[in-house]
Amino acid sequence: MTRTAERPWVALFALLLITVFLNASPLRAEEATEVMEELRASLFADAEASIRQANEARASLLSPTNYAEAAEHYRDAEDTLERGGNIESIRRDLERATETFLKAAEQAGLAATTFESVLRARADAESADAENYAAEEWTEAEQTFNDAAVRLENGRIDRAQRIGSTAETVYREAELIAIKGNYLNETRELLAKAREENAPRLAPKSYSSAASLLEEAETTLETNRYDTDEPRSLARQAKHAALHAIYVA
């Protein structure tokens, strides 16, 4: 097999050059665009396949250093192509990108096993919308987990596991805060408004009932965060009592 046959993009690029410089009729804009798109598709095919593999493995999360390095090589190749730069330079960047994306995917598989419990905690926190209800804790957990993943990439398994354990704890904290936020924040705001209306003095029975129900709901969530039926019911009762206290006041 010839060298040109081994590299389809060489033939495509040669076609573009021959058409542009040797054909008596200039290449129409749409034809030039089509040829360039075919050239790009051929050049980038392997790299894009490796990106899909890395994304399926969640490599940006589980192998962040390798993924970032691969993405940089890929962007360099795109920039060079857009500038009409050297094809060999594009090819080299794409080869590096492909190799590193595949490395990231492989590393992500190891990380998924190493951090299995951390990932469960992360998924639970995400399901509870911790990013919105516990933004500070969620950010801390994400940064800690990223640190753990980087340590694992560097072969420091014991250190990575210790940091991962810390991230798991923070994810669980974020999850609990988010669950409480989902069910209890509105009632807390109503109780604050009731205090502004002097409800503890003017409607002591309703205010006290609301505060007690809210505390009970919070305690129930802390005891079993996944059995949300009872705390949800308590939160509704607390909300009703708080509204009544505000009305009376």
C-alpha atoms as a PDB file:
ATOM      1  CA  MET A   1       0.000   0.000   0.000  1.00  0.00           C
ATOM      2  CA  THR A   2       1.302   3.452  -0.894  1.00  0.00           C
ATOM      3  CA  ARG A   3       1.872   6.166   1.675  1.00  0.00           C
ATOM      4  CA  THR A   4      -0.926   8.224   0.109  1.00  0.00           C
ATOM      5  CA  ALA A   5      -3.360   5.324   0.311  1.00  0.00           C
ATOM      6  CA  GLU A   6      -2.577   4.908   3.983  1.00  0.00           C
ATOM      7  CA  ARG A   7      -3.560   8.541   4.617  1.00  0.00           C
ATOM      8  CA  PRO A   8      -6.884   9.464   2.975  1.00  0.00           C
ATOM      9  CA  TRP A   9      -6.479  13.092   3.944  1.00  0.00           C
ATOM     10  CA  VAL A  10      -3.390  13.351   1.709  1.00  0.00           C
ATOM     11  CA  ALA A  11      -5.436  12.493  -1.340  1.00  0.00           C
ATOM     12  CA  LEU A  12      -8.186  14.892  -0.319  1.00  0.00           C
ATOM     13  CA  PHE A  13      -5.781  17.731   0.277  1.00  0.00           C
ATOM     14  CA  ALA A  14      -4.047  17.032  -3.013  1.00  0.00           C
ATOM     15  CA  LEU A  15      -7.427  17.162  -4.717  1.00  0.00           C
ATOM     16  CA  LEU A  16      -8.105  20.558  -3.208  1.00  0.00           C
ATOM     17  CA  LEU A  17      -4.734  21.935  -4.329  1.00  0.00           C
ATOM     18  CA  ILE A  18      -5.040  20.538  -7.845  1.00  0.00           C
ATOM     19  CA  THR A  19      -8.548  21.954  -8.214  1.00  0.00           C
ATOM     20  CA  VAL A  20      -7.575  25.371  -6.965  1.00  0.00           C
ATOM     21  CA  PHE A  21      -4.278  25.864  -8.758  1.00  0.00           C
ATOM     22  CA  LEU A  22      -4.469  23.778 -11.949  1.00  0.00           C
ATOM     23  CA  ASN A  23      -8.101  23.882 -12.982  1.00  0.00           C
ATOM     24  CA  ALA A  24      -8.907  26.572 -15.492  1.00  0.00           C
ATOM     25  CA  SER A  25     -12.185  27.336 -13.703  1.00  0.00           C
ATOM     26  CA  PRO A  26     -11.846  28.564 -10.090  1.00  0.00           C
ATOM     27  CA  LEU A  27     -13.392  26.352  -7.424  1.00  0.00           C
ATOM     28  CA  ARG A  28     -16.795  27.630  -6.408  1.00  0.00           C
ATOM     29  CA  ALA A  29     -17.180  28.589  -2.752  1.00  0.00           C
ATOM     30  CA  GLU A  30     -19.605  25.775  -1.963  1.00  0.00           C
ATOM     31  CA  GLU A  31     -17.360  23.217  -3.661  1.00  0.00           C
ATOM     32  CA  ALA A  32     -14.326  24.450  -1.725  1.00  0.00           C
ATOM     33  CA  THR A  33     -16.311  24.240   1.521  1.00  0.00           C
ATOM     34  CA  GLU A  34     -17.409  20.699   0.724  1.00  0.00           C
ATOM     35  CA  VAL A  35     -13.877  19.559  -0.039  1.00  0.00           C
ATOM     36  CA  MET A  36     -12.554  21.182   3.135  1.00  0.00           C
ATOM     37  CA  GLU A  37     -15.271  19.527   5.199  1.00  0.00           C
ATOM     38  CA  GLU A  38     -14.325  16.171   3.713  1.00  0.00           C
ATOM     39  CA  LEU A  39     -10.696  16.869   4.476  1.00  0.00           C
ATOM     40  CA  ARG A  40     -11.496  17.815   8.047  1.00  0.00           C
ATOM     41  CA  ALA A  41     -13.711  14.769   8.550  1.00  0.00           C
ATOM     42  CA  SER A  42     -10.923  12.495   7.365  1.00  0.00           C
ATOM     43  CA  LEU A  43      -8.236  14.215   9.408  1.00  0.00           C
ATOM     44  CA  PHE A  44     -10.244  14.387  12.645  1.00  0.00           C
ATOM     45  CA  ALA A  45     -12.055  11.025  12.492  1.00  0.00           C
ATOM     46  CA  ASP A  46      -9.788   9.117  14.876  1.00  0.00           C
ATOM     47  CA  ALA A  47      -9.535  12.005  17.327  1.00  0.00           C
ATOM     48  CA  GLU A  48     -13.297  12.480  17.447  1.00  0.00           C
ATOM     49  CA  ALA A  49     -13.810   8.764  18.023  1.00  0.00           C
ATOM     50  CA  SER A  50     -11.407   8.948  20.952  1.00  0.00           C
ATOM     51  CA  ILE A  51     -13.290  11.974  22.328  1.00  0.00           C
ATOM     52  CA  ARG A  52     -16.521   9.984  22.298  1.00  0.00           C
ATOM     53  CA  GLN A  53     -14.812   7.135  24.111  1.00  0.00           C
ATOM     54  CA  ALA A  54     -13.371   9.501  26.718  1.00  0.00           C
ATOM     55  CA  ASN A  55     -16.727  11.225  27.246  1.00  0.00           C
ATOM     56  CA  GLU A  56     -18.519   7.906  27.669  1.00  0.00           C
ATOM     57  CA  ALA A  57     -15.973   7.055  30.386  1.00  0.00           C
ATOM     58  CA  ARG A  58     -16.559  10.490  32.049  1.00  0.00           C
ATOM     59  CA  ALA A  59     -12.860  11.170  31.654  1.00  0.00           C
ATOM     60  CA  SER A  60     -13.191  14.925  32.137  1.00  0.00           C
ATOM     61  CA  LEU A  61     -14.269  14.147  35.705  1.00  0.00           C
ATOM     62  CA  LEU A  62     -12.218  11.022  36.409  1.00  0.00           C
ATOM     63  CA  SER A  63      -9.015  11.801  34.502  1.00  0.00           C
ATOM     64  CA  PRO A  64      -9.015  15.597  34.357  1.00  0.00           C
ATOM     65  CA  THR A  65      -5.329  16.194  33.586  1.00  0.00           C
ATOM     66  CA  ASN A  66      -5.184  13.778  30.671  1.00  0.00           C
ATOM     67  CA  TYR A  67      -8.496  14.998  29.317  1.00  0.00           C
ATOM     68  CA  ALA A  68      -7.433  18.652  29.467  1.00  0.00           C
ATOM     69  CA  GLU A  69      -4.133  17.878  27.734  1.00  0.00           C
ATOM     70  CA  ALA A  70      -5.904  15.949  24.969  1.00  0.00           C
ATOM     71  CA  ALA A  71      -8.430  18.754  24.503  1.00  0.00           C
ATOM     72  CA  GLU A  72      -5.604  21.274  24.148  1.00  0.00           C
ATOM     73  CA  HIS A  73      -3.959  19.229  21.368  1.00  0.00           C
ATOM     74  CA  TYR A  74      -7.330  18.951  19.639  1.00  0.00           C
ATOM     75  CA  ARG A  75      -7.913  22.717  19.812  1.00  0.00           C
ATOM     76  CA  ASP A  76      -4.411  23.338  18.466  1.00  0.00           C
ATOM     77  CA  ALA A  77      -5.214  21.143  15.467  1.00  0.00           C
ATOM     78  CA  GLU A  78      -8.481  23.006  14.869  1.00  0.00           C
ATOM     79  CA  ASP A  79      -6.758  26.387  15.098  1.00  0.00           C
ATOM     80  CA  THR A  80      -4.035  25.347  12.663  1.00  0.00           C
ATOM     81  CA  LEU A  81      -6.617  24.061  10.184  1.00  0.00           C
ATOM     82  CA  GLU A  82      -8.642  27.275  10.405  1.00  0.00           C
ATOM     83  CA  ARG A  83      -5.507  29.318   9.701  1.00  0.00           C
ATOM     84  CA  GLY A  84      -4.666  27.118   6.734  1.00  0.00           C
ATOM     85  CA  GLY A  85      -1.536  25.903   8.490  1.00  0.00           C
ATOM     86  CA  ASN A  86       0.729  22.935   7.944  1.00  0.00           C
ATOM     87  CA  ILE A  87      -1.099  19.615   7.492  1.00  0.00           C
ATOM     88  CA  GLU A  88       1.695  17.668   9.173  1.00  0.00           C
ATOM     89  CA  SER A  89       1.388  19.893  12.223  1.00  0.00           C
ATOM     90  CA  ILE A  90      -2.354  19.257  12.316  1.00  0.00           C
ATOM     91  CA  ARG A  91      -1.783  15.528  12.017  1.00  0.00           C
ATOM     92  CA  ARG A  92       0.745  15.506  14.855  1.00  0.00           C
ATOM     93  CA  ASP A  93      -1.597  17.391  17.171  1.00  0.00           C
ATOM     94  CA  LEU A  94      -4.451  15.056  16.319  1.00  0.00           C
ATOM     95  CA  GLU A  95      -2.300  11.990  16.953  1.00  0.00           C
ATOM     96  CA  ARG A  96      -1.359  13.386  20.364  1.00  0.00           C
ATOM     97  CA  ALA A  97      -5.001  14.232  21.076  1.00  0.00           C
ATOM     98  CA  THR A  98      -6.172  10.747  20.118  1.00  0.00           C
ATOM     99  CA  GLU A  99      -3.509   9.040  22.183  1.00  0.00           C
ATOM    100  CA  THR A 100      -4.207  11.188  25.233  1.00  0.00           C
ATOM    101  CA  PHE A 101      -7.997  10.942  25.014  1.00  0.00           C
ATOM    102  CA  LEU A 102      -7.659   7.152  24.939  1.00  0.00           C
ATOM    103  CA  LYS A 103      -5.294   7.318  27.893  1.00  0.00           C
ATOM    104  CA  ALA A 104      -7.839   9.443  29.738  1.00  0.00           C
ATOM    105  CA  ALA A 105     -10.594   6.921  29.009  1.00  0.00           C
ATOM    106  CA  GLU A 106      -8.439   4.082  30.331  1.00  0.00           C
ATOM    107  CA  GLN A 107      -7.529   6.054  33.455  1.00  0.00           C
ATOM    108  CA  ALA A 108     -11.205   6.901  33.974  1.00  0.00           C
ATOM    109  CA  GLY A 109     -12.007   3.197  34.162  1.00  0.00           C
ATOM    110  CA  LEU A 110      -9.533   2.756  37.009  1.00  0.00           C
ATOM    111  CA  ALA A 111     -10.864   5.863  38.755  1.00  0.00           C
ATOM    112  CA  ALA A 112     -14.469   4.661  38.485  1.00  0.00           C
ATOM    113  CA  THR A 113     -13.498   1.538  40.414  1.00  0.00           C
ATOM    114  CA  THR A 114     -11.304   3.350  42.939  1.00  0.00           C
ATOM    115  CA  PHE A 115     -13.889   6.047  43.647  1.00  0.00           C
ATOM    116  CA  GLU A 116     -17.027   3.929  43.384  1.00  0.00           C
ATOM    117  CA  SER A 117     -18.521   5.084  46.701  1.00  0.00           C
ATOM    118  CA  VAL A 118     -17.502   8.688  46.042  1.00  0.00           C
ATOM    119  CA  LEU A 119     -19.330   8.629  42.734  1.00  0.00           C
ATOM    120  CA  ARG A 120     -22.461   7.274  44.427  1.00  0.00           C
ATOM    121  CA  ALA A 121     -22.327  10.125  46.925  1.00  0.00           C
ATOM    122  CA  ARG A 122     -21.812  12.605  44.109  1.00  0.00           C
ATOM    123  CA  ALA A 123     -24.785  11.229  42.183  1.00  0.00           C
ATOM    124  CA  ASP A 124     -27.012  11.459  45.261  1.00  0.00           C
ATOM    125  CA  ALA A 125     -25.944  15.050  45.909  1.00  0.00           C
ATOM    126  CA  GLU A 126     -26.549  15.914  42.284  1.00  0.00           C
ATOM    127  CA  SER A 127     -30.029  14.352  42.411  1.00  0.00           C
ATOM    128  CA  ALA A 128     -30.830  16.490  45.446  1.00  0.00           C
ATOM    129  CA  ASP A 129     -29.843  19.596  43.425  1.00  0.00           C
ATOM    130  CA  ALA A 130     -26.941  20.314  45.770  1.00  0.00           C
ATOM    131  CA  GLU A 131     -25.362  22.590  43.182  1.00  0.00           C
ATOM    132  CA  ASN A 132     -28.173  25.068  43.829  1.00  0.00           C
ATOM    133  CA  TYR A 133     -29.189  24.367  47.425  1.00  0.00           C
ATOM    134  CA  ALA A 134     -25.676  23.752  48.807  1.00  0.00           C
ATOM    135  CA  ALA A 135     -23.477  25.583  46.327  1.00  0.00           C
ATOM    136  CA  GLU A 136     -20.527  26.119  48.668  1.00  0.00           C
ATOM    137  CA  GLU A 137     -20.384  22.497  49.818  1.00  0.00           C
ATOM    138  CA  TRP A 138     -20.904  21.213  46.270  1.00  0.00           C
ATOM    139  CA  THR A 139     -18.033  23.334  44.968  1.00  0.00           C
ATOM    140  CA  GLU A 140     -15.778  22.175  47.789  1.00  0.00           C
ATOM    141  CA  ALA A 141     -16.636  18.537  47.103  1.00  0.00           C
ATOM    142  CA  GLU A 142     -16.006  18.943  43.366  1.00  0.00           C
ATOM    143  CA  GLN A 143     -12.628  20.566  43.952  1.00  0.00           C
ATOM    144  CA  THR A 144     -11.633  17.886  46.456  1.00  0.00           C
ATOM    145  CA  PHE A 145     -12.695  15.109  44.112  1.00  0.00           C
ATOM    146  CA  ASN A 146     -10.746  16.706  41.278  1.00  0.00           C
ATOM    147  CA  ASP A 147      -7.674  16.705  43.517  1.00  0.00           C
ATOM    148  CA  ALA A 148      -8.212  13.024  44.288  1.00  0.00           C
ATOM    149  CA  ALA A 149      -8.550  12.171  40.587  1.00  0.00           C
ATOM    150  CA  VAL A 150      -5.326  14.038  39.753  1.00  0.00           C
ATOM    151  CA  ARG A 151      -3.459  12.169  42.514  1.00  0.00           C
ATOM    152  CA  LEU A 152      -4.697   8.894  41.076  1.00  0.00           C
ATOM    153  CA  GLU A 153      -3.515   9.919  37.607  1.00  0.00           C
ATOM    154  CA  ASN A 154      -0.076  10.469  39.134  1.00  0.00           C
ATOM    155  CA  GLY A 155      -0.066   6.987  40.654  1.00  0.00           C
ATOM    156  CA  ARG A 156      -0.531   8.107  44.265  1.00  0.00           C
ATOM    157  CA  ILE A 157      -3.315   5.648  45.010  1.00  0.00           C
ATOM    158  CA  ASP A 158      -3.314   5.799  48.811  1.00  0.00           C
ATOM    159  CA  ARG A 159      -3.338   9.587  48.839  1.00  0.00           C
ATOM    160  CA  ALA A 160      -6.055   9.635  46.175  1.00  0.00           C
ATOM    161  CA  GLN A 161      -8.245   7.331  48.236  1.00  0.00           C
ATOM    162  CA  ARG A 162      -7.853   9.468  51.359  1.00  0.00           C
ATOM    163  CA  ILE A 163      -8.754  12.641  49.490  1.00  0.00           C
ATOM    164  CA  GLY A 164     -11.608  10.818  47.784  1.00  0.00           C
ATOM    165  CA  SER A 165     -12.973   9.825  51.200  1.00  0.00           C
ATOM    166  CA  THR A 166     -12.980  13.500  52.199  1.00  0.00           C
ATOM    167  CA  ALA A 167     -14.818  14.398  48.998  1.00  0.00           C
ATOM    168  CA  GLU A 168     -17.412  11.702  49.728  1.00  0.00           C
ATOM    169  CA  THR A 169     -18.071  13.182  53.168  1.00  0.00           C
ATOM    170  CA  VAL A 170     -18.553  16.666  51.722  1.00  0.00           C
ATOM    171  CA  TYR A 171     -20.842  15.354  48.978  1.00  0.00           C
ATOM    172  CA  ARG A 172     -23.010  13.752  51.665  1.00  0.00           C
ATOM    173  CA  GLU A 173     -23.100  17.014  53.617  1.00  0.00           C
ATOM    174  CA  ALA A 174     -24.102  18.872  50.475  1.00  0.00           C
ATOM    175  CA  GLU A 175     -26.806  16.312  49.782  1.00  0.00           C
ATOM    176  CA  LEU A 176     -28.325  16.673  53.258  1.00  0.00           C
ATOM    177  CA  ILE A 177     -28.258  20.467  53.063  1.00  0.00           C
ATOM    178  CA  ALA A 178     -29.926  20.289  49.650  1.00  0.00           C
ATOM    179  CA  ILE A 179     -32.650  17.933  50.875  1.00  0.00           C
ATOM    180  CA  LYS A 180     -33.336  20.224  53.826  1.00  0.00           C
ATOM    181  CA  GLY A 181     -33.397  23.157  51.461  1.00  0.00           C
ATOM    182  CA  ASN A 182     -35.932  21.450  49.220  1.00  0.00           C
ATOM    183  CA  TYR A 183     -38.336  20.834  52.073  1.00  0.00           C
ATOM    184  CA  LEU A 184     -37.579  23.309  54.833  1.00  0.00           C
ATOM    185  CA  ASN A 185     -36.271  26.600  53.463  1.00  0.00           C
ATOM    186  CA  GLU A 186     -39.694  28.050  52.663  1.00  0.00           C
ATOM    187  CA  THR A 187     -40.914  27.319  56.188  1.00  0.00           C
ATOM    188  CA  ARG A 188     -37.775  28.895  57.670  1.00  0.00           C
ATOM    189  CA  GLU A 189     -38.468  32.043  55.663  1.00  0.00           C
ATOM    190  CA  LEU A 190     -42.074  32.097  56.874  1.00  0.00           C
ATOM    191  CA  LEU A 191     -40.941  31.756  60.493  1.00  0.00           C
ATOM    192  CA  ALA A 192     -38.513  34.641  59.992  1.00  0.00           C
ATOM    193  CA  LYS A 193     -41.374  36.726  58.622  1.00  0.00           C
ATOM    194  CA  ALA A 194     -43.525  35.669  61.586  1.00  0.00           C
ATOM    195  CA  ARG A 195     -40.852  36.941  63.961  1.00  0.00           C
ATOM    196  CA  GLU A 196     -40.811  40.250  62.099  1.00  0.00           C
ATOM    197  CA  GLU A 197     -44.583  40.438  62.697  1.00  0.00           C
ATOM    198  CA  ASN A 198     -43.991  39.768  66.408  1.00  0.00           C
ATOM    199  CA  ALA A 199     -45.810  36.429  66.140  1.00  0.00           C
ATOM    200  CA  PRO A 200     -43.950  34.822  69.085  1.00  0.00           C
ATOM    201  CA  ARG A 201     -45.846  37.304  71.332  1.00  0.00           C
ATOM    202  CA  LEU A 202     -49.042  37.850  69.355  1.00  0.00           C
ATOM    203  CA  ALA A 203     -49.578  34.262  68.137  1.00  0.00           C
ATOM    204  CA  PRO A 204     -47.428  32.172  70.452  1.00  0.00           C
ATOM    205  CA  LYS A 205     -49.313  28.893  70.008  1.00  0.00           C
ATOM    206  CA  SER A 206     -49.148  28.871  66.199  1.00  0.00           C
ATOM    207  CA  TYR A 207     -45.574  30.134  66.117  1.00  0.00           C
ATOM    208  CA  SER A 208     -44.393  27.577  68.658  1.00  0.00           C
ATOM    209  CA  SER A 209     -46.142  24.781  66.772  1.00  0.00           C
ATOM    210  CA  ALA A 210     -44.495  25.829  63.496  1.00  0.00           C
ATOM    211  CA  ALA A 211     -41.047  26.008  65.076  1.00  0.00           C
ATOM    212  CA  SER A 212     -41.461  22.594  66.738  1.00  0.00           C
ATOM    213  CA  LEU A 213     -42.706  20.938  63.552  1.00  0.00           C
ATOM    214  CA  LEU A 214     -39.825  22.420  61.581  1.00  0.00           C
ATOM    215  CA  GLU A 215     -37.300  21.132  64.100  1.00  0.00           C
ATOM    216  CA  GLU A 216     -38.914  17.684  64.030  1.00  0.00           C
ATOM    217  CA  ALA A 217     -38.811  17.608  60.240  1.00  0.00           C
ATOM    218  CA  GLU A 218     -35.132  18.526  60.259  1.00  0.00           C
ATOM    219  CA  THR A 219     -34.311  15.858  62.854  1.00  0.00           C
ATOM    220  CA  THR A 220     -36.203  13.249  60.855  1.00  0.00           C
ATOM    221  CA  LEU A 221     -34.248  14.118  57.716  1.00  0.00           C
ATOM    222  CA  GLU A 222     -30.950  13.820  59.535  1.00  0.00           C
ATOM    223  CA  THR A 223     -31.954  10.414  60.896  1.00  0.00           C
ATOM    224  CA  ASN A 224     -33.017   9.052  57.516  1.00  0.00           C
ATOM    225  CA  ARG A 225     -32.505  11.413  54.603  1.00  0.00           C
ATOM    226  CA  TYR A 226     -34.006   8.979  52.094  1.00  0.00           C
ATOM    227  CA  ASP A 227     -37.371   8.526  53.803  1.00  0.00           C
ATOM    228  CA  THR A 228     -38.719  11.924  52.890  1.00  0.00           C
ATOM    229  CA  ASP A 229     -42.458  11.311  53.251  1.00  0.00           C
ATOM    230  CA  GLU A 230     -42.630  12.065  56.973  1.00  0.00           C
ATOM    231  CA  PRO A 231     -40.405  15.180  56.952  1.00  0.00           C
ATOM    232  CA  ARG A 232     -42.285  16.478  53.925  1.00  0.00           C
ATOM    233  CA  SER A 233     -45.551  16.104  55.827  1.00  0.00           C
ATOM    234  CA  LEU A 234     -44.066  17.768  58.912  1.00  0.00           C
ATOM    235  CA  ALA A 235     -42.738  20.616  56.778  1.00  0.00           C
ATOM    236  CA  ARG A 236     -46.210  21.177  55.292  1.00  0.00           C
ATOM    237  CA  GLN A 237     -47.735  21.303  58.768  1.00  0.00           C
ATOM    238  CA  ALA A 238     -45.013  23.705  59.929  1.00  0.00           C
ATOM    239  CA  LYS A 239     -45.662  25.925  56.909  1.00  0.00           C
ATOM    240  CA  HIS A 240     -49.400  25.997  57.670  1.00  0.00           C
ATOM    241  CA  ALA A 241     -48.750  26.863  61.329  1.00  0.00           C
ATOM    242  CA  ALA A 242     -46.308  29.623  60.360  1.00  0.00           C
ATOM    243  CA  LEU A 243     -48.810  31.133  57.937  1.00  0.00           C
ATOM    244  CA  HIS A 244     -51.461  31.044  60.648  1.00  0.00           C
ATOM    245  CA  ALA A 245     -49.106  32.759  63.085  1.00  0.00           C
ATOM    246  CA  ILE A 246     -48.422  35.502  60.528  1.00  0.00           C
ATOM    247  CA  TYR A 247     -52.170  35.905  59.911  1.00  0.00           C
ATOM    248  CA  VAL A 248     -52.958  36.158  63.612  1.00  0.00           C
ATOM    249  CA  ALA A 249     -50.095  38.570  64.233  1.00  0.00           C
END
